[in-house]
Amino acid sequence: MTLLTLCLILPISRVRSVTVDSNDKQLRVAVIKASGLHYYESLFNVWFNASKIENKIQNKVGLVEQATLRYVNVNNVVIDVKEEPQVGYIYRNNKYYKIGTTGQPLSEGTPSVKGSYPVFYAFKDKAKLKLAVTKVQELPTELKKSVSEIHYDPSKVNPNRIKLYMNDGNEVIADLSTLTKKMEYYPQIATKMDQKGIVDLEVGAFSYPKN
């Protein structure tokens, strides 16, 4: 038996464990699934394909900017990840999926929302979701914090129409393409409203009661 053959069959040449260096449970699960790594597979196979595995994780897992494989005690594989800042959640199939700055949702969902993040609803088109995430991130910090929900609500004449639910109880009708600029008027309009209502920023900038 050659030395190489001996090395290939020894337990030290097999993956003993795979862990992800992150405090986010859903992210850890998504990264391990995307990596394709599993217990007791050939460690040599991991070594030779490390770059491919890292790229696969970065391409498939939302919220991961960079993934790097390292090894502890030879055959314990640790995946270090550099995470994007979370900007919100998207609601799909009765679960909430975290979204990073690129607008790519995490593949693993959670039954509830944690933290004061806005939730995106009805965004089935990836391009529209990415645009919405970008536009919301362009809002001033205080305005961004005041948004509770963003619903994709297209009309026959406007495929970019959205509806925002604000933490103060008002609703905002807007156009994705002009959201950043038009939302500058929101604080001034809201302070003049006698009751909670709807602020229409789709074409002009005015408000009216809900009923």
N, C-alpha and C. Protein backbone atom coordinates (compact mmCIF):
# COMPACT_ATOMS: atom_id res chain seq x y z
N MET A 1 0.86 -1.21 0.00
CA MET A 1 0.00 0.00 0.00
C MET A 1 0.88 1.25 0.00
N THR A 2 0.63 2.12 -0.94
CA THR A 2 1.45 3.32 -1.03
C THR A 2 1.08 4.32 0.05
N LEU A 3 1.96 5.26 0.27
CA LEU A 3 1.72 6.30 1.28
C LEU A 3 0.50 7.13 0.93
N LEU A 4 0.31 7.45 -0.37
CA LEU A 4 -0.83 8.24 -0.81
C LEU A 4 -2.14 7.50 -0.52
N THR A 5 -2.17 6.23 -0.84
CA THR A 5 -3.37 5.44 -0.58
C THR A 5 -3.69 5.41 0.90
N LEU A 6 -2.66 5.27 1.72
CA LEU A 6 -2.84 5.25 3.17
C LEU A 6 -3.43 6.57 3.66
N CYS A 7 -2.90 7.64 3.11
CA CYS A 7 -3.40 8.97 3.50
C CYS A 7 -4.87 9.15 3.14
N LEU A 8 -5.26 8.61 1.99
CA LEU A 8 -6.64 8.77 1.52
C LEU A 8 -7.66 8.03 2.38
N ILE A 9 -7.24 6.95 3.02
CA ILE A 9 -8.19 6.16 3.80
C ILE A 9 -8.17 6.47 5.29
N LEU A 10 -7.16 7.21 5.72
CA LEU A 10 -7.08 7.56 7.14
C LEU A 10 -8.15 8.60 7.51
N PRO A 11 -8.70 8.54 8.71
CA PRO A 11 -9.72 9.51 9.15
C PRO A 11 -9.24 10.96 9.07
N ILE A 12 -7.93 11.18 9.23
CA ILE A 12 -7.41 12.54 9.20
C ILE A 12 -7.58 13.17 7.82
N SER A 13 -7.79 12.35 6.78
CA SER A 13 -7.96 12.86 5.41
C SER A 13 -9.43 13.12 5.09
N ARG A 14 -10.29 12.99 6.08
CA ARG A 14 -11.72 13.20 5.89
C ARG A 14 -12.20 14.39 6.70
N VAL A 15 -13.22 15.08 6.19
CA VAL A 15 -13.78 16.24 6.88
C VAL A 15 -14.49 15.78 8.15
N ARG A 16 -14.05 16.33 9.25
CA ARG A 16 -14.63 15.94 10.55
C ARG A 16 -15.84 16.79 10.90
N SER A 17 -15.77 18.07 10.55
CA SER A 17 -16.90 18.97 10.83
C SER A 17 -16.87 20.16 9.89
N VAL A 18 -18.04 20.78 9.70
CA VAL A 18 -18.15 22.00 8.88
C VAL A 18 -18.95 23.02 9.69
N THR A 19 -18.35 24.17 9.98
CA THR A 19 -19.02 25.22 10.74
C THR A 19 -18.88 26.55 10.03
N VAL A 20 -19.78 27.48 10.35
CA VAL A 20 -19.76 28.82 9.75
C VAL A 20 -19.57 29.84 10.85
N ASP A 21 -18.63 30.74 10.66
CA ASP A 21 -18.34 31.76 11.66
C ASP A 21 -19.33 32.92 11.52
N SER A 22 -20.52 32.72 12.07
CA SER A 22 -21.56 33.75 12.03
C SER A 22 -22.53 33.52 13.19
N ASN A 23 -23.11 34.59 13.70
CA ASN A 23 -24.10 34.48 14.77
C ASN A 23 -25.51 34.30 14.23
N ASP A 24 -25.65 34.38 12.90
CA ASP A 24 -26.96 34.30 12.25
C ASP A 24 -27.28 32.84 11.90
N LYS A 25 -28.26 32.28 12.57
CA LYS A 25 -28.60 30.86 12.36
C LYS A 25 -29.02 30.58 10.93
N GLN A 26 -29.91 31.41 10.36
CA GLN A 26 -30.38 31.19 9.00
C GLN A 26 -29.23 31.31 7.99
N LEU A 27 -28.33 32.25 8.25
CA LEU A 27 -27.18 32.42 7.37
C LEU A 27 -26.26 31.20 7.43
N ARG A 28 -26.04 30.67 8.62
CA ARG A 28 -25.18 29.49 8.77
C ARG A 28 -25.73 28.31 7.98
N VAL A 29 -27.04 28.09 8.08
CA VAL A 29 -27.68 26.98 7.36
C VAL A 29 -27.54 27.18 5.85
N ALA A 30 -27.80 28.41 5.39
CA ALA A 30 -27.73 28.69 3.95
C ALA A 30 -26.32 28.51 3.41
N VAL A 31 -25.31 28.93 4.17
CA VAL A 31 -23.92 28.81 3.73
C VAL A 31 -23.50 27.35 3.62
N ILE A 32 -23.83 26.55 4.61
CA ILE A 32 -23.46 25.13 4.58
C ILE A 32 -24.14 24.42 3.40
N LYS A 33 -25.41 24.75 3.16
CA LYS A 33 -26.12 24.14 2.03
C LYS A 33 -25.46 24.53 0.71
N ALA A 34 -25.13 25.80 0.57
CA ALA A 34 -24.53 26.28 -0.67
C ALA A 34 -23.13 25.71 -0.89
N SER A 35 -22.42 25.47 0.19
CA SER A 35 -21.05 24.95 0.07
C SER A 35 -21.02 23.53 -0.46
N GLY A 36 -22.05 22.75 -0.16
CA GLY A 36 -22.08 21.35 -0.58
C GLY A 36 -21.18 20.46 0.26
N LEU A 37 -20.54 21.01 1.28
CA LEU A 37 -19.64 20.23 2.13
C LEU A 37 -20.42 19.35 3.09
N HIS A 38 -19.88 18.19 3.37
CA HIS A 38 -20.56 17.29 4.32
C HIS A 38 -19.53 16.45 5.08
N TYR A 39 -19.99 15.90 6.15
CA TYR A 39 -19.14 15.10 7.04
C TYR A 39 -18.51 13.92 6.32
N TYR A 40 -17.24 13.72 6.57
CA TYR A 40 -16.44 12.58 6.12
C TYR A 40 -16.16 12.55 4.62
N GLU A 41 -16.37 13.65 3.93
CA GLU A 41 -15.95 13.66 2.53
C GLU A 41 -14.44 13.89 2.47
N SER A 42 -13.86 13.68 1.31
CA SER A 42 -12.41 13.80 1.15
C SER A 42 -11.93 15.22 1.42
N LEU A 43 -10.99 15.33 2.32
CA LEU A 43 -10.42 16.63 2.64
C LEU A 43 -9.60 17.16 1.46
N PHE A 44 -8.98 16.25 0.71
CA PHE A 44 -8.21 16.65 -0.45
C PHE A 44 -9.12 17.30 -1.50
N ASN A 45 -10.33 16.79 -1.63
CA ASN A 45 -11.30 17.36 -2.57
C ASN A 45 -11.65 18.80 -2.17
N VAL A 46 -11.75 19.03 -0.86
CA VAL A 46 -12.05 20.37 -0.36
C VAL A 46 -10.88 21.31 -0.64
N TRP A 47 -9.68 20.85 -0.36
CA TRP A 47 -8.49 21.66 -0.60
C TRP A 47 -8.38 22.10 -2.06
N PHE A 48 -8.55 21.16 -2.96
CA PHE A 48 -8.37 21.43 -4.39
C PHE A 48 -9.49 22.30 -4.97
N ASN A 49 -10.64 22.31 -4.31
CA ASN A 49 -11.79 23.05 -4.83
C ASN A 49 -12.21 24.21 -3.94
N ALA A 50 -11.32 24.64 -3.06
CA ALA A 50 -11.65 25.69 -2.09
C ALA A 50 -12.16 26.96 -2.75
N SER A 51 -11.49 27.42 -3.81
CA SER A 51 -11.91 28.66 -4.48
C SER A 51 -13.29 28.53 -5.10
N LYS A 52 -13.56 27.38 -5.71
CA LYS A 52 -14.88 27.15 -6.31
C LYS A 52 -15.97 27.14 -5.25
N ILE A 53 -15.67 26.52 -4.10
CA ILE A 53 -16.65 26.47 -3.01
C ILE A 53 -16.92 27.86 -2.47
N GLU A 54 -15.87 28.66 -2.30
CA GLU A 54 -16.03 30.03 -1.80
C GLU A 54 -16.86 30.87 -2.76
N ASN A 55 -16.58 30.75 -4.05
CA ASN A 55 -17.33 31.52 -5.06
C ASN A 55 -18.79 31.10 -5.11
N LYS A 56 -19.03 29.81 -4.95
CA LYS A 56 -20.40 29.30 -4.97
C LYS A 56 -21.21 29.88 -3.81
N ILE A 57 -20.59 29.96 -2.65
CA ILE A 57 -21.26 30.54 -1.48
C ILE A 57 -21.57 32.02 -1.72
N GLN A 58 -20.59 32.75 -2.23
CA GLN A 58 -20.77 34.18 -2.48
C GLN A 58 -21.85 34.46 -3.51
N ASN A 59 -21.98 33.59 -4.51
CA ASN A 59 -22.97 33.79 -5.57
C ASN A 59 -24.37 33.36 -5.17
N LYS A 60 -24.45 32.35 -4.31
CA LYS A 60 -25.76 31.78 -3.98
C LYS A 60 -26.40 32.34 -2.71
N VAL A 61 -25.58 32.79 -1.79
CA VAL A 61 -26.12 33.18 -0.48
C VAL A 61 -26.23 34.68 -0.35
N GLY A 62 -27.47 35.19 -0.27
CA GLY A 62 -27.68 36.60 -0.01
C GLY A 62 -27.10 36.96 1.34
N LEU A 63 -26.62 38.20 1.48
CA LEU A 63 -25.99 38.72 2.69
C LEU A 63 -24.53 38.32 2.86
N VAL A 64 -23.97 37.52 1.95
CA VAL A 64 -22.57 37.14 2.04
C VAL A 64 -21.77 37.89 0.98
N GLU A 65 -20.88 38.77 1.42
CA GLU A 65 -20.00 39.50 0.50
C GLU A 65 -18.79 38.65 0.14
N GLN A 66 -18.28 37.94 1.13
CA GLN A 66 -17.07 37.15 0.90
C GLN A 66 -17.08 35.93 1.81
N ALA A 67 -16.63 34.80 1.27
CA ALA A 67 -16.51 33.56 2.03
C ALA A 67 -15.09 33.02 1.91
N THR A 68 -14.53 32.58 3.03
CA THR A 68 -13.17 32.05 3.04
C THR A 68 -13.11 30.77 3.87
N LEU A 69 -12.56 29.75 3.29
CA LEU A 69 -12.41 28.47 4.00
C LEU A 69 -11.09 28.44 4.77
N ARG A 70 -11.14 27.94 5.99
CA ARG A 70 -9.92 27.69 6.75
C ARG A 70 -10.08 26.37 7.51
N TYR A 71 -8.99 25.90 8.05
CA TYR A 71 -8.99 24.55 8.63
C TYR A 71 -8.45 24.60 10.06
N VAL A 72 -9.17 23.99 10.97
CA VAL A 72 -8.76 23.92 12.37
C VAL A 72 -8.44 22.47 12.69
N ASN A 73 -7.24 22.24 13.25
CA ASN A 73 -6.78 20.88 13.54
C ASN A 73 -6.89 19.99 12.30
N VAL A 74 -6.49 20.54 11.20
CA VAL A 74 -6.37 19.88 9.90
C VAL A 74 -7.72 19.63 9.21
N ASN A 75 -8.62 18.89 9.84
CA ASN A 75 -9.82 18.45 9.11
C ASN A 75 -11.15 19.00 9.63
N ASN A 76 -11.10 20.04 10.43
CA ASN A 76 -12.33 20.75 10.82
C ASN A 76 -12.43 21.99 9.94
N VAL A 77 -13.41 22.01 9.04
CA VAL A 77 -13.53 23.11 8.09
C VAL A 77 -14.38 24.23 8.69
N VAL A 78 -13.83 25.44 8.67
CA VAL A 78 -14.55 26.62 9.15
C VAL A 78 -14.72 27.58 7.96
N ILE A 79 -15.93 28.04 7.76
CA ILE A 79 -16.21 28.99 6.68
C ILE A 79 -16.39 30.38 7.30
N ASP A 80 -15.43 31.25 7.05
CA ASP A 80 -15.53 32.63 7.51
C ASP A 80 -16.30 33.44 6.48
N VAL A 81 -17.27 34.21 6.94
CA VAL A 81 -18.07 35.01 6.00
C VAL A 81 -18.04 36.49 6.39
N LYS A 82 -17.92 37.33 5.37
CA LYS A 82 -18.09 38.77 5.56
C LYS A 82 -19.51 39.08 5.14
N GLU A 83 -20.31 39.58 6.06
CA GLU A 83 -21.73 39.76 5.81
C GLU A 83 -22.08 41.18 5.36
N GLU A 84 -23.05 41.26 4.45
CA GLU A 84 -23.62 42.55 4.08
C GLU A 84 -24.47 43.06 5.24
N PRO A 85 -24.62 44.36 5.40
CA PRO A 85 -25.56 44.88 6.38
C PRO A 85 -26.99 44.47 6.01
N GLN A 86 -27.76 44.05 6.96
CA GLN A 86 -29.16 43.72 6.68
C GLN A 86 -29.95 45.01 6.56
N VAL A 87 -30.83 45.08 5.54
CA VAL A 87 -31.63 46.28 5.34
C VAL A 87 -33.12 46.03 5.51
N GLY A 88 -33.52 44.77 5.59
CA GLY A 88 -34.94 44.47 5.76
C GLY A 88 -35.23 43.00 5.60
N TYR A 89 -36.53 42.71 5.41
CA TYR A 89 -37.01 41.35 5.18
C TYR A 89 -37.94 41.37 3.96
N ILE A 90 -38.04 40.23 3.29
CA ILE A 90 -39.08 40.08 2.29
C ILE A 90 -39.98 38.93 2.74
N TYR A 91 -41.29 39.14 2.61
CA TYR A 91 -42.26 38.14 3.05
C TYR A 91 -42.66 37.26 1.88
N ARG A 92 -42.45 35.95 2.03
CA ARG A 92 -42.83 34.99 0.99
C ARG A 92 -43.23 33.66 1.64
N ASN A 93 -44.34 33.11 1.19
CA ASN A 93 -44.76 31.78 1.63
C ASN A 93 -44.78 31.64 3.16
N ASN A 94 -45.36 32.64 3.81
CA ASN A 94 -45.54 32.63 5.26
C ASN A 94 -44.24 32.69 6.05
N LYS A 95 -43.17 33.14 5.42
CA LYS A 95 -41.90 33.30 6.13
C LYS A 95 -41.26 34.63 5.75
N TYR A 96 -40.35 35.07 6.61
CA TYR A 96 -39.62 36.31 6.38
C TYR A 96 -38.16 35.97 6.05
N TYR A 97 -37.68 36.55 4.94
CA TYR A 97 -36.31 36.28 4.49
C TYR A 97 -35.50 37.57 4.56
N LYS A 98 -34.37 37.50 5.20
CA LYS A 98 -33.52 38.68 5.36
C LYS A 98 -32.97 39.14 4.01
N ILE A 99 -32.83 40.47 3.87
CA ILE A 99 -32.30 41.06 2.64
C ILE A 99 -31.12 41.95 2.99
N GLY A 100 -30.06 41.83 2.18
CA GLY A 100 -28.90 42.70 2.35
C GLY A 100 -28.94 43.86 1.37
N THR A 101 -27.86 44.60 1.30
CA THR A 101 -27.81 45.81 0.48
C THR A 101 -27.91 45.53 -1.02
N THR A 102 -27.58 44.32 -1.46
CA THR A 102 -27.67 44.00 -2.89
C THR A 102 -29.08 43.61 -3.31
N GLY A 103 -29.98 43.43 -2.33
CA GLY A 103 -31.35 43.05 -2.66
C GLY A 103 -31.56 41.57 -2.86
N GLN A 104 -30.53 40.75 -2.60
CA GLN A 104 -30.68 39.30 -2.75
C GLN A 104 -31.10 38.71 -1.40
N PRO A 105 -32.27 38.08 -1.33
CA PRO A 105 -32.75 37.52 -0.07
C PRO A 105 -31.96 36.28 0.36
N LEU A 106 -31.93 36.04 1.64
CA LEU A 106 -31.35 34.82 2.18
C LEU A 106 -32.29 33.67 1.83
N SER A 107 -31.74 32.50 1.57
CA SER A 107 -32.57 31.36 1.14
C SER A 107 -33.29 30.69 2.30
N GLU A 108 -32.87 30.96 3.52
CA GLU A 108 -33.50 30.37 4.70
C GLU A 108 -34.37 31.41 5.39
N GLY A 109 -35.64 31.08 5.59
CA GLY A 109 -36.58 32.02 6.19
C GLY A 109 -36.77 31.83 7.67
N THR A 110 -37.49 32.75 8.28
CA THR A 110 -37.80 32.71 9.71
C THR A 110 -39.28 33.07 9.89
N PRO A 111 -39.95 32.53 10.91
CA PRO A 111 -41.38 32.80 11.07
C PRO A 111 -41.72 34.20 11.58
N SER A 112 -40.73 34.94 12.04
CA SER A 112 -41.01 36.27 12.58
C SER A 112 -39.86 37.22 12.29
N VAL A 113 -40.15 38.50 12.45
CA VAL A 113 -39.16 39.55 12.20
C VAL A 113 -38.47 39.94 13.50
N LYS A 114 -37.16 40.11 13.43
CA LYS A 114 -36.40 40.57 14.59
C LYS A 114 -35.76 41.91 14.26
N GLY A 115 -35.92 42.86 15.16
CA GLY A 115 -35.36 44.18 14.92
C GLY A 115 -36.34 45.08 14.19
N SER A 116 -35.99 46.34 14.06
CA SER A 116 -36.88 47.33 13.44
C SER A 116 -36.54 47.51 11.97
N TYR A 117 -36.69 46.43 11.22
CA TYR A 117 -36.41 46.47 9.78
C TYR A 117 -37.72 46.55 8.99
N PRO A 118 -37.71 47.26 7.85
CA PRO A 118 -38.91 47.28 7.00
C PRO A 118 -39.09 45.93 6.32
N VAL A 119 -40.35 45.59 6.03
CA VAL A 119 -40.67 44.33 5.36
C VAL A 119 -41.19 44.62 3.96
N PHE A 120 -40.63 43.93 2.97
CA PHE A 120 -41.04 44.09 1.58
C PHE A 120 -42.06 43.00 1.23
N TYR A 121 -43.18 43.41 0.60
CA TYR A 121 -44.25 42.48 0.25
C TYR A 121 -44.53 42.50 -1.26
N ALA A 122 -44.87 41.33 -1.79
CA ALA A 122 -45.35 41.16 -3.17
C ALA A 122 -44.31 41.48 -4.24
N PHE A 123 -43.04 41.50 -3.88
CA PHE A 123 -41.98 41.72 -4.87
C PHE A 123 -41.53 40.37 -5.42
N LYS A 124 -42.12 39.97 -6.55
CA LYS A 124 -41.77 38.69 -7.18
C LYS A 124 -40.65 38.86 -8.20
N ASP A 125 -40.51 40.05 -8.75
CA ASP A 125 -39.48 40.34 -9.73
C ASP A 125 -38.20 40.78 -9.02
N LYS A 126 -37.09 40.10 -9.32
CA LYS A 126 -35.82 40.38 -8.65
C LYS A 126 -35.34 41.81 -8.91
N ALA A 127 -35.54 42.27 -10.13
CA ALA A 127 -35.08 43.62 -10.48
C ALA A 127 -35.85 44.69 -9.71
N LYS A 128 -37.17 44.49 -9.57
CA LYS A 128 -37.99 45.45 -8.82
C LYS A 128 -37.60 45.45 -7.34
N LEU A 129 -37.34 44.27 -6.80
CA LEU A 129 -36.94 44.18 -5.40
C LEU A 129 -35.61 44.89 -5.17
N LYS A 130 -34.67 44.64 -6.07
CA LYS A 130 -33.35 45.28 -5.94
C LYS A 130 -33.48 46.80 -6.03
N LEU A 131 -34.32 47.28 -6.95
CA LEU A 131 -34.54 48.71 -7.09
C LEU A 131 -35.17 49.29 -5.83
N ALA A 132 -36.15 48.58 -5.27
CA ALA A 132 -36.82 49.05 -4.05
C ALA A 132 -35.85 49.13 -2.89
N VAL A 133 -35.02 48.11 -2.73
CA VAL A 133 -34.02 48.09 -1.66
C VAL A 133 -33.06 49.27 -1.82
N THR A 134 -32.63 49.51 -3.04
CA THR A 134 -31.70 50.62 -3.32
C THR A 134 -32.33 51.96 -2.97
N LYS A 135 -33.59 52.15 -3.40
CA LYS A 135 -34.26 53.43 -3.17
C LYS A 135 -34.53 53.68 -1.69
N VAL A 136 -34.92 52.64 -0.97
CA VAL A 136 -35.16 52.79 0.46
C VAL A 136 -33.87 53.14 1.19
N GLN A 137 -32.76 52.54 0.76
CA GLN A 137 -31.47 52.83 1.39
C GLN A 137 -30.99 54.24 1.12
N GLU A 138 -31.49 54.86 0.07
CA GLU A 138 -31.10 56.23 -0.27
C GLU A 138 -31.83 57.27 0.58
N LEU A 139 -32.86 56.84 1.29
CA LEU A 139 -33.62 57.78 2.12
C LEU A 139 -32.78 58.24 3.31
N PRO A 140 -33.02 59.45 3.81
CA PRO A 140 -32.34 59.90 5.03
C PRO A 140 -32.61 58.93 6.17
N THR A 141 -31.70 58.83 7.10
CA THR A 141 -31.78 57.84 8.17
C THR A 141 -33.11 57.87 8.92
N GLU A 142 -33.56 59.04 9.31
CA GLU A 142 -34.81 59.14 10.08
C GLU A 142 -36.01 58.69 9.27
N LEU A 143 -36.05 59.04 7.99
CA LEU A 143 -37.15 58.61 7.13
C LEU A 143 -37.12 57.10 6.94
N LYS A 144 -35.92 56.57 6.76
CA LYS A 144 -35.76 55.13 6.56
C LYS A 144 -36.27 54.36 7.78
N LYS A 145 -35.99 54.88 8.96
CA LYS A 145 -36.43 54.23 10.19
C LYS A 145 -37.94 54.31 10.38
N SER A 146 -38.57 55.27 9.70
CA SER A 146 -40.01 55.47 9.89
C SER A 146 -40.86 54.57 8.99
N VAL A 147 -40.21 53.83 8.08
CA VAL A 147 -40.94 52.95 7.15
C VAL A 147 -41.09 51.56 7.77
N SER A 148 -42.32 51.07 7.84
CA SER A 148 -42.59 49.75 8.41
C SER A 148 -42.71 48.68 7.34
N GLU A 149 -43.46 48.98 6.27
CA GLU A 149 -43.68 48.01 5.19
C GLU A 149 -43.60 48.69 3.83
N ILE A 150 -43.13 47.95 2.83
CA ILE A 150 -43.12 48.42 1.44
C ILE A 150 -43.81 47.36 0.59
N HIS A 151 -44.93 47.71 -0.02
CA HIS A 151 -45.70 46.78 -0.85
C HIS A 151 -45.57 47.16 -2.32
N TYR A 152 -45.25 46.18 -3.15
CA TYR A 152 -45.25 46.41 -4.60
C TYR A 152 -46.71 46.41 -5.04
N ASP A 153 -47.17 47.54 -5.60
CA ASP A 153 -48.59 47.71 -5.90
C ASP A 153 -48.76 48.36 -7.28
N PRO A 154 -48.34 47.67 -8.35
CA PRO A 154 -48.38 48.27 -9.69
C PRO A 154 -49.80 48.50 -10.19
N SER A 155 -49.96 49.51 -10.99
CA SER A 155 -51.24 49.78 -11.64
C SER A 155 -51.06 49.57 -13.14
N LYS A 156 -52.15 49.69 -13.89
CA LYS A 156 -52.08 49.50 -15.35
C LYS A 156 -51.19 50.54 -16.02
N VAL A 157 -51.14 51.71 -15.42
CA VAL A 157 -50.36 52.80 -16.03
C VAL A 157 -48.99 52.99 -15.38
N ASN A 158 -48.79 52.38 -14.23
CA ASN A 158 -47.51 52.57 -13.53
C ASN A 158 -46.99 51.26 -12.93
N PRO A 159 -46.04 50.62 -13.61
CA PRO A 159 -45.46 49.37 -13.11
C PRO A 159 -44.51 49.58 -11.93
N ASN A 160 -44.22 50.84 -11.60
CA ASN A 160 -43.30 51.14 -10.50
C ASN A 160 -44.02 51.63 -9.24
N ARG A 161 -45.32 51.48 -9.23
CA ARG A 161 -46.09 51.99 -8.09
C ARG A 161 -45.87 51.11 -6.86
N ILE A 162 -45.68 51.75 -5.70
CA ILE A 162 -45.54 51.04 -4.43
C ILE A 162 -46.38 51.74 -3.36
N LYS A 163 -46.61 51.02 -2.29
CA LYS A 163 -47.32 51.59 -1.15
C LYS A 163 -46.48 51.35 0.10
N LEU A 164 -46.25 52.40 0.86
CA LEU A 164 -45.47 52.31 2.09
C LEU A 164 -46.38 52.50 3.30
N TYR A 165 -46.19 51.68 4.29
CA TYR A 165 -46.89 51.82 5.56
C TYR A 165 -45.88 52.38 6.56
N MET A 166 -46.23 53.53 7.14
CA MET A 166 -45.31 54.22 8.03
C MET A 166 -45.59 53.87 9.49
N ASN A 167 -44.57 54.02 10.32
CA ASN A 167 -44.72 53.72 11.75
C ASN A 167 -45.67 54.68 12.45
N ASP A 168 -45.90 55.85 11.86
CA ASP A 168 -46.81 56.83 12.48
C ASP A 168 -48.27 56.58 12.13
N GLY A 169 -48.55 55.54 11.32
CA GLY A 169 -49.94 55.21 10.98
C GLY A 169 -50.38 55.69 9.62
N ASN A 170 -49.59 56.49 8.94
CA ASN A 170 -49.94 56.95 7.60
C ASN A 170 -49.53 55.93 6.53
N GLU A 171 -50.15 56.08 5.36
CA GLU A 171 -49.78 55.28 4.20
C GLU A 171 -49.27 56.22 3.11
N VAL A 172 -48.32 55.75 2.35
CA VAL A 172 -47.74 56.57 1.28
C VAL A 172 -47.84 55.82 -0.04
N ILE A 173 -48.39 56.49 -1.06
CA ILE A 173 -48.40 55.94 -2.41
C ILE A 173 -47.29 56.65 -3.18
N ALA A 174 -46.41 55.86 -3.80
CA ALA A 174 -45.26 56.48 -4.45
C ALA A 174 -44.83 55.70 -5.70
N ASP A 175 -43.89 56.28 -6.40
CA ASP A 175 -43.29 55.65 -7.58
C ASP A 175 -41.85 55.32 -7.23
N LEU A 176 -41.44 54.09 -7.51
CA LEU A 176 -40.07 53.67 -7.17
C LEU A 176 -39.01 54.59 -7.76
N SER A 177 -39.23 55.03 -8.98
CA SER A 177 -38.21 55.83 -9.66
C SER A 177 -38.02 57.21 -9.03
N THR A 178 -39.04 57.73 -8.33
CA THR A 178 -38.94 59.07 -7.73
C THR A 178 -39.05 59.05 -6.21
N LEU A 179 -39.00 57.85 -5.64
CA LEU A 179 -39.23 57.70 -4.19
C LEU A 179 -38.28 58.56 -3.36
N THR A 180 -36.99 58.48 -3.64
CA THR A 180 -36.00 59.19 -2.83
C THR A 180 -36.27 60.69 -2.79
N LYS A 181 -36.54 61.28 -3.95
CA LYS A 181 -36.77 62.71 -4.03
C LYS A 181 -38.11 63.11 -3.41
N LYS A 182 -39.17 62.36 -3.73
CA LYS A 182 -40.51 62.72 -3.28
C LYS A 182 -40.68 62.55 -1.76
N MET A 183 -40.00 61.57 -1.16
CA MET A 183 -40.15 61.34 0.28
C MET A 183 -39.60 62.49 1.11
N GLU A 184 -38.84 63.37 0.48
CA GLU A 184 -38.35 64.55 1.20
C GLU A 184 -39.52 65.43 1.67
N TYR A 185 -40.64 65.35 0.95
CA TYR A 185 -41.81 66.16 1.29
C TYR A 185 -42.64 65.54 2.41
N TYR A 186 -42.41 64.27 2.71
CA TYR A 186 -43.28 63.56 3.65
C TYR A 186 -43.35 64.21 5.04
N PRO A 187 -42.24 64.51 5.70
CA PRO A 187 -42.33 65.08 7.05
C PRO A 187 -43.17 66.35 7.12
N GLN A 188 -42.99 67.21 6.12
CA GLN A 188 -43.74 68.46 6.11
C GLN A 188 -45.23 68.21 5.90
N ILE A 189 -45.56 67.31 5.00
CA ILE A 189 -46.98 66.99 4.75
C ILE A 189 -47.60 66.33 5.97
N ALA A 190 -46.88 65.40 6.60
CA ALA A 190 -47.41 64.64 7.74
C ALA A 190 -47.72 65.55 8.93
N THR A 191 -46.90 66.55 9.16
CA THR A 191 -47.12 67.44 10.31
C THR A 191 -48.36 68.31 10.14
N LYS A 192 -48.82 68.51 8.90
CA LYS A 192 -49.99 69.34 8.63
C LYS A 192 -51.29 68.53 8.60
N MET A 193 -51.18 67.20 8.70
CA MET A 193 -52.38 66.36 8.62
C MET A 193 -53.11 66.35 9.96
N ASP A 194 -54.43 66.53 9.91
CA ASP A 194 -55.25 66.53 11.13
C ASP A 194 -55.49 65.13 11.66
N GLN A 195 -55.44 64.14 10.79
CA GLN A 195 -55.64 62.75 11.18
C GLN A 195 -54.79 61.85 10.29
N LYS A 196 -54.64 60.61 10.71
CA LYS A 196 -53.84 59.68 9.93
C LYS A 196 -54.52 59.42 8.59
N GLY A 197 -53.73 59.41 7.53
CA GLY A 197 -54.34 59.25 6.22
C GLY A 197 -53.35 58.76 5.19
N ILE A 198 -53.59 59.15 3.95
CA ILE A 198 -52.77 58.70 2.83
C ILE A 198 -52.03 59.89 2.22
N VAL A 199 -50.75 59.73 2.06
CA VAL A 199 -49.93 60.74 1.40
C VAL A 199 -49.62 60.24 0.00
N ASP A 200 -50.09 60.95 -0.99
CA ASP A 200 -49.92 60.53 -2.38
C ASP A 200 -48.74 61.28 -3.01
N LEU A 201 -47.66 60.54 -3.28
CA LEU A 201 -46.46 61.12 -3.88
C LEU A 201 -46.21 60.54 -5.27
N GLU A 202 -47.20 59.84 -5.80
CA GLU A 202 -47.00 59.16 -7.09
C GLU A 202 -46.79 60.16 -8.22
N VAL A 203 -47.63 61.19 -8.27
CA VAL A 203 -47.50 62.22 -9.30
C VAL A 203 -47.20 63.57 -8.67
N GLY A 204 -48.08 64.01 -7.77
CA GLY A 204 -47.85 65.27 -7.07
C GLY A 204 -47.33 65.02 -5.66
N ALA A 205 -47.86 65.75 -4.70
CA ALA A 205 -47.48 65.58 -3.30
C ALA A 205 -48.60 66.16 -2.44
N PHE A 206 -49.57 65.33 -2.05
CA PHE A 206 -50.70 65.80 -1.27
C PHE A 206 -51.21 64.67 -0.39
N SER A 207 -52.10 64.98 0.52
CA SER A 207 -52.63 63.97 1.45
C SER A 207 -54.14 64.05 1.51
N TYR A 208 -54.75 62.95 1.97
CA TYR A 208 -56.20 62.91 2.19
C TYR A 208 -56.51 61.80 3.21
N PRO A 209 -57.67 61.88 3.86
CA PRO A 209 -58.03 60.89 4.88
C PRO A 209 -58.19 59.49 4.26
N LYS A 210 -58.03 58.47 5.08
CA LYS A 210 -58.18 57.10 4.59
C LYS A 210 -59.62 56.78 4.21
N ASN A 211 -60.57 57.34 4.95
CA ASN A 211 -61.98 57.05 4.66
C ASN A 211 -62.69 58.27 4.06
